[in-house]
Amino acid sequence: MAHFAQKRIKGKDYLYAVKSIRLPDGRVHKIAKRVQGRTGKNNRELEDYFEQKEVEARVRFAKKHYASLKLRDLSAPEKMERMRLEYRKLMSKMTDAQKTDLFDRFTVNFTYESNAIEGNSLTLKDVAIVIHENVAIPGKNLREIYETRNSRQVIDLILRGKLKVREKDMHKMHSILVKDMGIATGYKQLPNYIHGRQVLTTPPEGVAKQMGELFVWFEENRSKKHPLQLAAEFHGRFEQIHPFEDGNGRVGRFLINAMLLQAGYPPLIIRKTQRLSYFSALEDADNGRTITLENFLYARLKETHEKFFKIYVKYLE
């Protein structure tokens, strides 16, 4: 929020609007603009000015500190910062009831698409009924219904900032996801495999060590890598480890959104129609080429923002 301050220049007093923003490395960057008054249309002009300058400052920071982020879209850093700003504005403008409605709509779509990637046969309408009415659907597999109901609880907690990118929170995500499904919680006790991918997952005896190292790596690189790049690299390594008996794909996608939200960006949805491209990107990550997954996640972030959240921004203006 901006404040006003007077500056004396060559014996004359001038009024300036000043706003401070915090950059990803914790440093405070100040933006100032000379103004004629504190009310009226000038307020909207000031808001637009500060927004533009904040985006510019964050893009400069990204280009300087995240040089290894090389997406195909050269304007991606600016576009992502605008998404971040628009998402923050949206959250600040919405009432609690509007947020609940938006989160419910996102949760239905995310849950349907994420579960469908793993073979869940419930339709989008089925998922909406399970989530909104909390009822079983005659003729449908109970495990798929539990999976849907449980996924809703996890993504709701992530959207509200109750689950972060921490090892203990990841275990909580998994425990909620597999509740009543007959799937063991905690790290896997038997080897597992990834269908359709030529990669060996981590054996059970090595999972705890590798997952601990992965979360240490995440903390060490939070200020060194762009959040999108960080999410892509983390996701690729997580899926290769495949730490749980079941639910690895869903928990991995939960964690992507937890990372994006933790950094101030909107969450994303990977659709079932993008399943082959998604798996291909993961295969490239298995072979050390995470740039494919970075570009894939960027495309999903942009698509979700434009087709989901941006609609609400326009609606509230």
C-alpha atoms as a PDB file:
ATOM      1  CA  MET A   1       0.000   0.000   0.000  1.00  0.00           C
ATOM      2  CA  ALA A   2       1.327   3.431  -0.959  1.00  0.00           C
ATOM      3  CA  HIS A   3       1.963   6.262   1.454  1.00  0.00           C
ATOM      4  CA  PHE A   4       2.617   9.947   0.811  1.00  0.00           C
ATOM      5  CA  ALA A   5       5.764  11.863   1.671  1.00  0.00           C
ATOM      6  CA  GLN A   6       7.056  15.356   1.043  1.00  0.00           C
ATOM      7  CA  LYS A   7      10.440  16.031  -0.488  1.00  0.00           C
ATOM      8  CA  ARG A   8      12.148  19.412  -0.580  1.00  0.00           C
ATOM      9  CA  ILE A   9      13.986  19.985  -3.827  1.00  0.00           C
ATOM     10  CA  LYS A  10      15.805  23.288  -4.468  1.00  0.00           C
ATOM     11  CA  GLY A  11      13.766  25.004  -1.804  1.00  0.00           C
ATOM     12  CA  LYS A  12      10.384  23.730  -2.985  1.00  0.00           C
ATOM     13  CA  ASP A  13       8.190  21.060  -1.384  1.00  0.00           C
ATOM     14  CA  TYR A  14       6.840  18.275  -3.586  1.00  0.00           C
ATOM     15  CA  LEU A  15       4.418  15.494  -2.731  1.00  0.00           C
ATOM     16  CA  TYR A  16       5.334  11.931  -3.658  1.00  0.00           C
ATOM     17  CA  ALA A  17       3.417   8.680  -3.471  1.00  0.00           C
ATOM     18  CA  VAL A  18       5.749   5.930  -2.279  1.00  0.00           C
ATOM     19  CA  LYS A  19       5.232   2.181  -2.333  1.00  0.00           C
ATOM     20  CA  SER A  20       7.576  -0.528  -1.071  1.00  0.00           C
ATOM     21  CA  ILE A  21       7.649  -4.036  -2.531  1.00  0.00           C
ATOM     22  CA  ARG A  22       9.578  -7.030  -1.273  1.00  0.00           C
ATOM     23  CA  LEU A  23      11.643  -8.893  -3.852  1.00  0.00           C
ATOM     24  CA  PRO A  24      12.105 -12.688  -3.734  1.00  0.00           C
ATOM     25  CA  ASP A  25      15.466 -12.373  -1.972  1.00  0.00           C
ATOM     26  CA  GLY A  26      13.882 -10.349   0.843  1.00  0.00           C
ATOM     27  CA  ARG A  27      15.213  -6.941  -0.223  1.00  0.00           C
ATOM     28  CA  VAL A  28      12.774  -4.015  -0.181  1.00  0.00           C
ATOM     29  CA  HIS A  29      12.449  -2.009  -3.389  1.00  0.00           C
ATOM     30  CA  LYS A  30      10.857   1.445  -3.205  1.00  0.00           C
ATOM     31  CA  ILE A  31       8.840   3.020  -6.004  1.00  0.00           C
ATOM     32  CA  ALA A  32       8.046   6.735  -5.909  1.00  0.00           C
ATOM     33  CA  LYS A  33       5.982   9.049  -8.113  1.00  0.00           C
ATOM     34  CA  ARG A  34       5.403  12.763  -7.830  1.00  0.00           C
ATOM     35  CA  VAL A  35       1.695  13.579  -7.448  1.00  0.00           C
ATOM     36  CA  GLN A  36      -0.591  16.607  -7.393  1.00  0.00           C
ATOM     37  CA  GLY A  37      -3.184  15.273  -4.956  1.00  0.00           C
ATOM     38  CA  ARG A  38      -4.235  12.274  -2.918  1.00  0.00           C
ATOM     39  CA  THR A  39      -7.745  11.640  -4.197  1.00  0.00           C
ATOM     40  CA  GLY A  40      -9.780  11.344  -7.400  1.00  0.00           C
ATOM     41  CA  LYS A  41      -8.821   9.678 -10.670  1.00  0.00           C
ATOM     42  CA  ASN A  42      -5.163  10.108  -9.746  1.00  0.00           C
ATOM     43  CA  ASN A  43      -5.564   7.112  -7.416  1.00  0.00           C
ATOM     44  CA  ARG A  44      -6.283   4.743 -10.313  1.00  0.00           C
ATOM     45  CA  GLU A  45      -3.426   6.232 -12.291  1.00  0.00           C
ATOM     46  CA  LEU A  46      -1.158   5.672  -9.316  1.00  0.00           C
ATOM     47  CA  GLU A  47      -2.321   2.097  -8.935  1.00  0.00           C
ATOM     48  CA  ASP A  48      -1.585   1.383 -12.596  1.00  0.00           C
ATOM     49  CA  TYR A  49       1.804   3.092 -12.309  1.00  0.00           C
ATOM     50  CA  PHE A  50       2.845   1.125  -9.237  1.00  0.00           C
ATOM     51  CA  GLU A  51       1.668  -2.145 -10.776  1.00  0.00           C
ATOM     52  CA  GLN A  52       3.705  -1.538 -13.917  1.00  0.00           C
ATOM     53  CA  LYS A  53       6.803  -0.584 -11.932  1.00  0.00           C
ATOM     54  CA  GLU A  54       6.420  -3.606  -9.659  1.00  0.00           C
ATOM     55  CA  VAL A  55       6.242  -5.928 -12.669  1.00  0.00           C
ATOM     56  CA  GLU A  56       9.309  -4.237 -14.176  1.00  0.00           C
ATOM     57  CA  ALA A  57      11.264  -4.578 -10.921  1.00  0.00           C
ATOM     58  CA  ARG A  58      10.386  -8.255 -10.584  1.00  0.00           C
ATOM     59  CA  VAL A  59      11.233  -8.965 -14.218  1.00  0.00           C
ATOM     60  CA  ARG A  60      14.628  -7.294 -13.772  1.00  0.00           C
ATOM     61  CA  PHE A  61      15.180  -9.422 -10.681  1.00  0.00           C
ATOM     62  CA  ALA A  62      14.176 -12.591 -12.549  1.00  0.00           C
ATOM     63  CA  LYS A  63      16.477 -11.890 -15.495  1.00  0.00           C
ATOM     64  CA  LYS A  64      19.392 -11.190 -13.161  1.00  0.00           C
ATOM     65  CA  HIS A  65      18.915 -14.002 -10.636  1.00  0.00           C
ATOM     66  CA  TYR A  66      17.188 -16.718 -12.669  1.00  0.00           C
ATOM     67  CA  ALA A  67      19.356 -16.714 -15.786  1.00  0.00           C
ATOM     68  CA  SER A  68      19.015 -20.501 -16.083  1.00  0.00           C
ATOM     69  CA  LEU A  69      15.260 -20.179 -16.767  1.00  0.00           C
ATOM     70  CA  LYS A  70      15.191 -20.311 -20.567  1.00  0.00           C
ATOM     71  CA  LEU A  71      11.615 -20.820 -21.720  1.00  0.00           C
ATOM     72  CA  ARG A  72      10.588 -20.793 -25.382  1.00  0.00           C
ATOM     73  CA  ASP A  73       8.391 -17.742 -24.703  1.00  0.00           C
ATOM     74  CA  LEU A  74      10.948 -14.973 -24.217  1.00  0.00           C
ATOM     75  CA  SER A  75       8.301 -12.767 -22.610  1.00  0.00           C
ATOM     76  CA  ALA A  76       7.483 -15.461 -20.008  1.00  0.00           C
ATOM     77  CA  PRO A  77       9.077 -13.656 -17.010  1.00  0.00           C
ATOM     78  CA  GLU A  78       6.902 -10.569 -17.572  1.00  0.00           C
ATOM     79  CA  LYS A  79       3.778 -12.621 -18.239  1.00  0.00           C
ATOM     80  CA  MET A  80       4.290 -14.631 -15.060  1.00  0.00           C
ATOM     81  CA  GLU A  81       4.754 -11.487 -12.991  1.00  0.00           C
ATOM     82  CA  ARG A  82       1.507 -10.087 -14.410  1.00  0.00           C
ATOM     83  CA  MET A  83      -0.240 -13.362 -13.529  1.00  0.00           C
ATOM     84  CA  ARG A  84       1.161 -13.080 -10.019  1.00  0.00           C
ATOM     85  CA  LEU A  85      -0.054  -9.490  -9.681  1.00  0.00           C
ATOM     86  CA  GLU A  86      -3.511 -10.224 -11.102  1.00  0.00           C
ATOM     87  CA  TYR A  87      -3.940 -13.241  -8.813  1.00  0.00           C
ATOM     88  CA  ARG A  88      -2.986 -11.148  -5.777  1.00  0.00           C
ATOM     89  CA  LYS A  89      -5.437  -8.420  -6.803  1.00  0.00           C
ATOM     90  CA  LEU A  90      -8.154 -10.999  -7.311  1.00  0.00           C
ATOM     91  CA  MET A  91      -7.640 -12.476  -3.845  1.00  0.00           C
ATOM     92  CA  SER A  92      -7.629  -9.022  -2.235  1.00  0.00           C
ATOM     93  CA  LYS A  93     -10.885  -7.967  -3.912  1.00  0.00           C
ATOM     94  CA  MET A  94     -12.915 -11.087  -3.241  1.00  0.00           C
ATOM     95  CA  THR A  95     -15.172 -11.621  -0.260  1.00  0.00           C
ATOM     96  CA  ASP A  96     -14.889 -14.857   1.720  1.00  0.00           C
ATOM     97  CA  ALA A  97     -17.997 -16.164  -0.055  1.00  0.00           C
ATOM     98  CA  GLN A  98     -16.525 -15.357  -3.476  1.00  0.00           C
ATOM     99  CA  LYS A  99     -13.246 -17.053  -2.569  1.00  0.00           C
ATOM    100  CA  THR A 100     -15.142 -20.144  -1.462  1.00  0.00           C
ATOM    101  CA  ASP A 101     -17.015 -20.205  -4.765  1.00  0.00           C
ATOM    102  CA  LEU A 102     -13.825 -19.723  -6.799  1.00  0.00           C
ATOM    103  CA  PHE A 103     -11.893 -22.333  -4.822  1.00  0.00           C
ATOM    104  CA  ASP A 104     -14.769 -24.804  -5.162  1.00  0.00           C
ATOM    105  CA  ARG A 105     -14.826 -24.323  -8.938  1.00  0.00           C
ATOM    106  CA  PHE A 106     -11.054 -24.694  -9.180  1.00  0.00           C
ATOM    107  CA  THR A 107     -11.097 -27.750  -6.920  1.00  0.00           C
ATOM    108  CA  VAL A 108     -13.718 -29.513  -9.046  1.00  0.00           C
ATOM    109  CA  ASN A 109     -11.734 -28.908 -12.231  1.00  0.00           C
ATOM    110  CA  PHE A 110      -8.328 -29.705 -10.735  1.00  0.00           C
ATOM    111  CA  THR A 111      -9.572 -32.855  -9.008  1.00  0.00           C
ATOM    112  CA  TYR A 112     -11.370 -34.162 -12.073  1.00  0.00           C
ATOM    113  CA  GLU A 113      -8.390 -33.616 -14.382  1.00  0.00           C
ATOM    114  CA  SER A 114      -5.718 -34.822 -11.949  1.00  0.00           C
ATOM    115  CA  ASN A 115      -7.600 -38.001 -11.068  1.00  0.00           C
ATOM    116  CA  ALA A 116      -8.500 -38.640 -14.726  1.00  0.00           C
ATOM    117  CA  ILE A 117      -4.783 -38.610 -15.592  1.00  0.00           C
ATOM    118  CA  GLU A 118      -4.448 -41.596 -13.233  1.00  0.00           C
ATOM    119  CA  GLY A 119      -7.418 -43.436 -14.789  1.00  0.00           C
ATOM    120  CA  ASN A 120     -10.297 -42.351 -12.530  1.00  0.00           C
ATOM    121  CA  SER A 121     -13.510 -42.834 -14.556  1.00  0.00           C
ATOM    122  CA  LEU A 122     -15.711 -40.247 -12.796  1.00  0.00           C
ATOM    123  CA  THR A 123     -17.034 -37.537 -15.101  1.00  0.00           C
ATOM    124  CA  LEU A 124     -16.731 -33.829 -14.347  1.00  0.00           C
ATOM    125  CA  LYS A 125     -20.397 -33.869 -13.297  1.00  0.00           C
ATOM    126  CA  ASP A 126     -19.747 -36.850 -11.004  1.00  0.00           C
ATOM    127  CA  VAL A 127     -16.842 -35.022  -9.381  1.00  0.00           C
ATOM    128  CA  ALA A 128     -18.968 -31.903  -8.823  1.00  0.00           C
ATOM    129  CA  ILE A 129     -21.675 -34.006  -7.141  1.00  0.00           C
ATOM    130  CA  VAL A 130     -19.182 -35.768  -4.858  1.00  0.00           C
ATOM    131  CA  ILE A 131     -17.480 -32.494  -3.892  1.00  0.00           C
ATOM    132  CA  HIS A 132     -20.538 -30.271  -3.479  1.00  0.00           C
ATOM    133  CA  GLU A 133     -23.033 -32.803  -2.140  1.00  0.00           C
ATOM    134  CA  ASN A 134     -20.633 -35.281  -0.490  1.00  0.00           C
ATOM    135  CA  VAL A 135     -22.677 -38.288  -1.645  1.00  0.00           C
ATOM    136  CA  ALA A 136     -21.862 -41.588  -3.306  1.00  0.00           C
ATOM    137  CA  ILE A 137     -22.973 -42.095  -6.897  1.00  0.00           C
ATOM    138  CA  PRO A 138     -24.799 -45.369  -7.625  1.00  0.00           C
ATOM    139  CA  GLY A 139     -22.833 -47.700  -9.857  1.00  0.00           C
ATOM    140  CA  LYS A 140     -19.532 -45.894  -9.379  1.00  0.00           C
ATOM    141  CA  ASN A 141     -16.404 -47.360  -7.819  1.00  0.00           C
ATOM    142  CA  LEU A 142     -16.195 -46.383  -4.135  1.00  0.00           C
ATOM    143  CA  ARG A 143     -12.425 -46.028  -4.324  1.00  0.00           C
ATOM    144  CA  GLU A 144     -12.806 -43.414  -7.069  1.00  0.00           C
ATOM    145  CA  ILE A 145     -15.374 -41.562  -4.951  1.00  0.00           C
ATOM    146  CA  TYR A 146     -13.093 -41.596  -1.903  1.00  0.00           C
ATOM    147  CA  GLU A 147     -10.191 -40.448  -4.080  1.00  0.00           C
ATOM    148  CA  THR A 148     -12.277 -37.505  -5.295  1.00  0.00           C
ATOM    149  CA  ARG A 149     -13.590 -36.568  -1.862  1.00  0.00           C
ATOM    150  CA  ASN A 150     -10.110 -36.775  -0.346  1.00  0.00           C
ATOM    151  CA  SER A 151      -8.461 -34.799  -3.159  1.00  0.00           C
ATOM    152  CA  ARG A 152     -10.912 -31.989  -2.525  1.00  0.00           C
ATOM    153  CA  GLN A 153      -9.752 -31.722   1.090  1.00  0.00           C
ATOM    154  CA  VAL A 154      -6.094 -31.567   0.081  1.00  0.00           C
ATOM    155  CA  ILE A 155      -6.407 -28.933  -2.637  1.00  0.00           C
ATOM    156  CA  ASP A 156      -8.662 -26.820  -0.423  1.00  0.00           C
ATOM    157  CA  LEU A 157      -5.993 -26.789   2.301  1.00  0.00           C
ATOM    158  CA  ILE A 158      -3.319 -25.884  -0.268  1.00  0.00           C
ATOM    159  CA  LEU A 159      -5.377 -23.038  -1.744  1.00  0.00           C
ATOM    160  CA  ARG A 160      -5.906 -21.607   1.736  1.00  0.00           C
ATOM    161  CA  GLY A 161      -2.202 -21.806   2.555  1.00  0.00           C
ATOM    162  CA  LYS A 162      -2.618 -24.501   5.208  1.00  0.00           C
ATOM    163  CA  LEU A 163      -0.249 -26.965   3.520  1.00  0.00           C
ATOM    164  CA  LYS A 164       3.237 -25.877   2.475  1.00  0.00           C
ATOM    165  CA  VAL A 165       6.151 -27.510   0.678  1.00  0.00           C
ATOM    166  CA  ARG A 166       7.487 -29.414   3.657  1.00  0.00           C
ATOM    167  CA  GLU A 167       8.103 -33.122   4.162  1.00  0.00           C
ATOM    168  CA  LYS A 168       5.585 -33.350   7.011  1.00  0.00           C
ATOM    169  CA  ASP A 169       2.951 -31.535   4.937  1.00  0.00           C
ATOM    170  CA  MET A 170       3.601 -33.841   1.987  1.00  0.00           C
ATOM    171  CA  HIS A 171       2.889 -36.818   4.260  1.00  0.00           C
ATOM    172  CA  LYS A 172      -0.315 -35.115   5.383  1.00  0.00           C
ATOM    173  CA  MET A 173      -1.351 -34.599   1.754  1.00  0.00           C
ATOM    174  CA  HIS A 174      -0.820 -38.294   1.078  1.00  0.00           C
ATOM    175  CA  SER A 175      -2.588 -39.433   4.248  1.00  0.00           C
ATOM    176  CA  ILE A 176      -5.667 -37.363   3.409  1.00  0.00           C
ATOM    177  CA  LEU A 177      -5.601 -38.487  -0.247  1.00  0.00           C
ATOM    178  CA  VAL A 178      -5.611 -42.243   0.516  1.00  0.00           C
ATOM    179  CA  LYS A 179      -8.017 -42.208   3.470  1.00  0.00           C
ATOM    180  CA  ASP A 180     -10.488 -45.147   3.327  1.00  0.00           C
ATOM    181  CA  MET A 181      -8.833 -46.454   0.127  1.00  0.00           C
ATOM    182  CA  GLY A 182      -6.861 -49.355   1.607  1.00  0.00           C
ATOM    183  CA  ILE A 183      -3.522 -47.769   0.667  1.00  0.00           C
ATOM    184  CA  ALA A 184      -0.684 -47.693   3.175  1.00  0.00           C
ATOM    185  CA  THR A 185       0.476 -44.291   4.378  1.00  0.00           C
ATOM    186  CA  GLY A 186       4.116 -43.399   4.856  1.00  0.00           C
ATOM    187  CA  TYR A 187       6.897 -44.246   2.441  1.00  0.00           C
ATOM    188  CA  LYS A 188       6.566 -47.404   0.356  1.00  0.00           C
ATOM    189  CA  GLN A 189       7.626 -50.759   1.790  1.00  0.00           C
ATOM    190  CA  LEU A 190       7.761 -52.593  -1.539  1.00  0.00           C
ATOM    191  CA  PRO A 191       9.272 -51.594  -4.912  1.00  0.00           C
ATOM    192  CA  ASN A 192       6.979 -49.908  -7.426  1.00  0.00           C
ATOM    193  CA  TYR A 193       7.157 -49.120 -11.109  1.00  0.00           C
ATOM    194  CA  ILE A 194       6.015 -46.385 -13.470  1.00  0.00           C
ATOM    195  CA  HIS A 195       3.992 -47.818 -16.325  1.00  0.00           C
ATOM    196  CA  GLY A 196       5.160 -46.682 -19.749  1.00  0.00           C
ATOM    197  CA  ARG A 197       8.407 -45.056 -18.535  1.00  0.00           C
ATOM    198  CA  GLN A 198      11.877 -46.533 -18.837  1.00  0.00           C
ATOM    199  CA  VAL A 199      13.079 -45.426 -15.427  1.00  0.00           C
ATOM    200  CA  LEU A 200      13.778 -47.296 -12.214  1.00  0.00           C
ATOM    201  CA  THR A 201      12.163 -45.796  -9.129  1.00  0.00           C
ATOM    202  CA  THR A 202      14.053 -45.551  -5.861  1.00  0.00           C
ATOM    203  CA  PRO A 203      14.001 -48.813  -3.852  1.00  0.00           C
ATOM    204  CA  PRO A 204      12.126 -48.621  -0.516  1.00  0.00           C
ATOM    205  CA  GLU A 205      15.284 -48.594   1.596  1.00  0.00           C
ATOM    206  CA  GLY A 206      16.540 -45.454  -0.159  1.00  0.00           C
ATOM    207  CA  VAL A 207      13.329 -43.395  -0.203  1.00  0.00           C
ATOM    208  CA  ALA A 208      13.563 -41.659   3.191  1.00  0.00           C
ATOM    209  CA  LYS A 209      17.122 -40.497   2.501  1.00  0.00           C
ATOM    210  CA  GLN A 210      16.382 -39.261  -1.023  1.00  0.00           C
ATOM    211  CA  MET A 211      13.180 -37.481  -0.013  1.00  0.00           C
ATOM    212  CA  GLY A 212      14.969 -35.780   2.870  1.00  0.00           C
ATOM    213  CA  GLU A 213      17.662 -34.635   0.453  1.00  0.00           C
ATOM    214  CA  LEU A 214      15.030 -33.418  -2.015  1.00  0.00           C
ATOM    215  CA  PHE A 215      13.398 -31.146   0.557  1.00  0.00           C
ATOM    216  CA  VAL A 216      16.813 -29.837   1.669  1.00  0.00           C
ATOM    217  CA  TRP A 217      17.563 -29.117  -2.010  1.00  0.00           C
ATOM    218  CA  PHE A 218      14.251 -27.272  -2.308  1.00  0.00           C
ATOM    219  CA  GLU A 219      15.022 -24.983   0.643  1.00  0.00           C
ATOM    220  CA  GLU A 220      18.566 -24.325  -0.583  1.00  0.00           C
ATOM    221  CA  ASN A 221      17.351 -23.359  -4.056  1.00  0.00           C
ATOM    222  CA  ARG A 222      14.235 -21.309  -3.213  1.00  0.00           C
ATOM    223  CA  SER A 223      16.166 -18.065  -3.606  1.00  0.00           C
ATOM    224  CA  LYS A 224      18.336 -19.283  -6.491  1.00  0.00           C
ATOM    225  CA  LYS A 225      15.833 -20.669  -8.993  1.00  0.00           C
ATOM    226  CA  HIS A 226      12.628 -19.257 -10.423  1.00  0.00           C
ATOM    227  CA  PRO A 227       9.594 -20.862  -8.700  1.00  0.00           C
ATOM    228  CA  LEU A 228       8.450 -22.433 -11.992  1.00  0.00           C
ATOM    229  CA  GLN A 229      11.869 -23.946 -12.631  1.00  0.00           C
ATOM    230  CA  LEU A 230      12.040 -25.080  -9.022  1.00  0.00           C
ATOM    231  CA  ALA A 231       8.634 -26.761  -9.324  1.00  0.00           C
ATOM    232  CA  ALA A 232       9.614 -28.539 -12.548  1.00  0.00           C
ATOM    233  CA  GLU A 233      12.900 -29.876 -11.183  1.00  0.00           C
ATOM    234  CA  PHE A 234      11.323 -30.904  -7.871  1.00  0.00           C
ATOM    235  CA  HIS A 235       8.416 -32.607  -9.638  1.00  0.00           C
ATOM    236  CA  GLY A 236      10.701 -34.539 -11.968  1.00  0.00           C
ATOM    237  CA  ARG A 237      12.826 -35.814  -9.077  1.00  0.00           C
ATOM    238  CA  PHE A 238       9.785 -36.575  -6.910  1.00  0.00           C
ATOM    239  CA  GLU A 239       8.109 -38.662  -9.601  1.00  0.00           C
ATOM    240  CA  GLN A 240      11.328 -40.533 -10.304  1.00  0.00           C
ATOM    241  CA  ILE A 241      11.681 -41.443  -6.625  1.00  0.00           C
ATOM    242  CA  HIS A 242       7.975 -42.438  -6.499  1.00  0.00           C
ATOM    243  CA  PRO A 243       8.032 -42.492  -2.686  1.00  0.00           C
ATOM    244  CA  PHE A 244       4.556 -43.889  -1.931  1.00  0.00           C
ATOM    245  CA  GLU A 245       2.760 -47.161  -2.552  1.00  0.00           C
ATOM    246  CA  ASP A 246       0.166 -45.255  -4.592  1.00  0.00           C
ATOM    247  CA  GLY A 247      -0.888 -41.634  -5.173  1.00  0.00           C
ATOM    248  CA  ASN A 248       2.511 -40.345  -6.328  1.00  0.00           C
ATOM    249  CA  GLY A 249       1.210 -38.486  -9.370  1.00  0.00           C
ATOM    250  CA  ARG A 250      -1.551 -36.739  -7.456  1.00  0.00           C
ATOM    251  CA  VAL A 251       0.679 -35.768  -4.526  1.00  0.00           C
ATOM    252  CA  GLY A 252       3.314 -34.552  -6.988  1.00  0.00           C
ATOM    253  CA  ARG A 253       0.771 -32.272  -8.664  1.00  0.00           C
ATOM    254  CA  PHE A 254      -0.449 -31.058  -5.269  1.00  0.00           C
ATOM    255  CA  LEU A 255       3.132 -30.045  -4.505  1.00  0.00           C
ATOM    256  CA  ILE A 256       3.525 -28.135  -7.792  1.00  0.00           C
ATOM    257  CA  ASN A 257       0.602 -25.926  -6.831  1.00  0.00           C
ATOM    258  CA  ALA A 258       1.790 -25.575  -3.244  1.00  0.00           C
ATOM    259  CA  MET A 259       5.109 -24.247  -4.615  1.00  0.00           C
ATOM    260  CA  LEU A 260       3.455 -21.803  -7.000  1.00  0.00           C
ATOM    261  CA  LEU A 261       1.048 -20.486  -4.363  1.00  0.00           C
ATOM    262  CA  GLN A 262       3.830 -20.218  -1.787  1.00  0.00           C
ATOM    263  CA  ALA A 263       5.668 -17.942  -4.245  1.00  0.00           C
ATOM    264  CA  GLY A 264       2.547 -15.853  -4.916  1.00  0.00           C
ATOM    265  CA  TYR A 265       1.609 -17.301  -8.314  1.00  0.00           C
ATOM    266  CA  PRO A 266      -1.784 -18.805  -9.178  1.00  0.00           C
ATOM    267  CA  PRO A 267      -2.137 -22.608  -9.236  1.00  0.00           C
ATOM    268  CA  LEU A 268      -2.357 -24.591 -12.457  1.00  0.00           C
ATOM    269  CA  ILE A 269      -4.344 -27.492 -13.880  1.00  0.00           C
ATOM    270  CA  ILE A 270      -2.902 -30.283 -16.040  1.00  0.00           C
ATOM    271  CA  ARG A 271      -5.748 -31.679 -18.129  1.00  0.00           C
ATOM    272  CA  LYS A 272      -6.258 -35.340 -19.039  1.00  0.00           C
ATOM    273  CA  THR A 273      -6.062 -34.387 -22.728  1.00  0.00           C
ATOM    274  CA  GLN A 274      -2.476 -33.247 -22.026  1.00  0.00           C
ATOM    275  CA  ARG A 275      -1.548 -36.571 -20.416  1.00  0.00           C
ATOM    276  CA  LEU A 276       0.811 -37.742 -23.196  1.00  0.00           C
ATOM    277  CA  SER A 277       2.644 -34.412 -23.354  1.00  0.00           C
ATOM    278  CA  TYR A 278       2.922 -34.427 -19.561  1.00  0.00           C
ATOM    279  CA  PHE A 279       4.383 -37.942 -19.457  1.00  0.00           C
ATOM    280  CA  SER A 280       6.755 -37.096 -22.310  1.00  0.00           C
ATOM    281  CA  ALA A 281       7.999 -34.086 -20.339  1.00  0.00           C
ATOM    282  CA  LEU A 282       8.533 -36.316 -17.295  1.00  0.00           C
ATOM    283  CA  GLU A 283      10.518 -38.770 -19.424  1.00  0.00           C
ATOM    284  CA  ASP A 284      12.772 -35.924 -20.539  1.00  0.00           C
ATOM    285  CA  ALA A 285      13.202 -34.966 -16.867  1.00  0.00           C
ATOM    286  CA  ASP A 286      14.171 -38.581 -16.123  1.00  0.00           C
ATOM    287  CA  ASN A 287      17.055 -38.059 -18.570  1.00  0.00           C
ATOM    288  CA  GLY A 288      18.123 -34.745 -17.073  1.00  0.00           C
ATOM    289  CA  ARG A 289      16.264 -32.443 -19.519  1.00  0.00           C
ATOM    290  CA  THR A 290      13.883 -30.540 -17.256  1.00  0.00           C
ATOM    291  CA  ILE A 291      13.442 -27.692 -19.762  1.00  0.00           C
ATOM    292  CA  THR A 292      10.613 -29.648 -21.438  1.00  0.00           C
ATOM    293  CA  LEU A 293       8.751 -29.896 -18.142  1.00  0.00           C
ATOM    294  CA  GLU A 294       9.409 -26.210 -17.403  1.00  0.00           C
ATOM    295  CA  ASN A 295       7.847 -25.207 -20.731  1.00  0.00           C
ATOM    296  CA  PHE A 296       4.942 -27.613 -20.170  1.00  0.00           C
ATOM    297  CA  LEU A 297       4.168 -26.219 -16.704  1.00  0.00           C
ATOM    298  CA  TYR A 298       4.488 -22.639 -17.962  1.00  0.00           C
ATOM    299  CA  ALA A 299       1.923 -23.380 -20.693  1.00  0.00           C
ATOM    300  CA  ARG A 300      -0.450 -24.897 -18.111  1.00  0.00           C
ATOM    301  CA  LEU A 301       0.010 -21.924 -15.758  1.00  0.00           C
ATOM    302  CA  LYS A 302      -0.736 -19.471 -18.558  1.00  0.00           C
ATOM    303  CA  GLU A 303      -3.717 -21.493 -19.773  1.00  0.00           C
ATOM    304  CA  THR A 304      -5.239 -21.880 -16.307  1.00  0.00           C
ATOM    305  CA  HIS A 305      -4.785 -18.202 -15.514  1.00  0.00           C
ATOM    306  CA  GLU A 306      -6.315 -17.001 -18.777  1.00  0.00           C
ATOM    307  CA  LYS A 307      -9.218 -19.447 -18.908  1.00  0.00           C
ATOM    308  CA  PHE A 308     -10.027 -19.602 -15.211  1.00  0.00           C
ATOM    309  CA  PHE A 309      -8.707 -16.860 -12.926  1.00  0.00           C
ATOM    310  CA  LYS A 310      -8.574 -13.977 -15.409  1.00  0.00           C
ATOM    311  CA  ILE A 311     -12.310 -14.337 -15.984  1.00  0.00           C
ATOM    312  CA  TYR A 312     -12.866 -13.545 -12.305  1.00  0.00           C
ATOM    313  CA  VAL A 313     -10.533 -10.539 -12.474  1.00  0.00           C
ATOM    314  CA  LYS A 314     -12.658  -9.029 -15.254  1.00  0.00           C
ATOM    315  CA  TYR A 315     -15.872  -9.924 -13.435  1.00  0.00           C
ATOM    316  CA  LEU A 316     -14.838  -8.020 -10.305  1.00  0.00           C
ATOM    317  CA  GLU A 317     -13.555  -4.893 -12.055  1.00  0.00           C
END
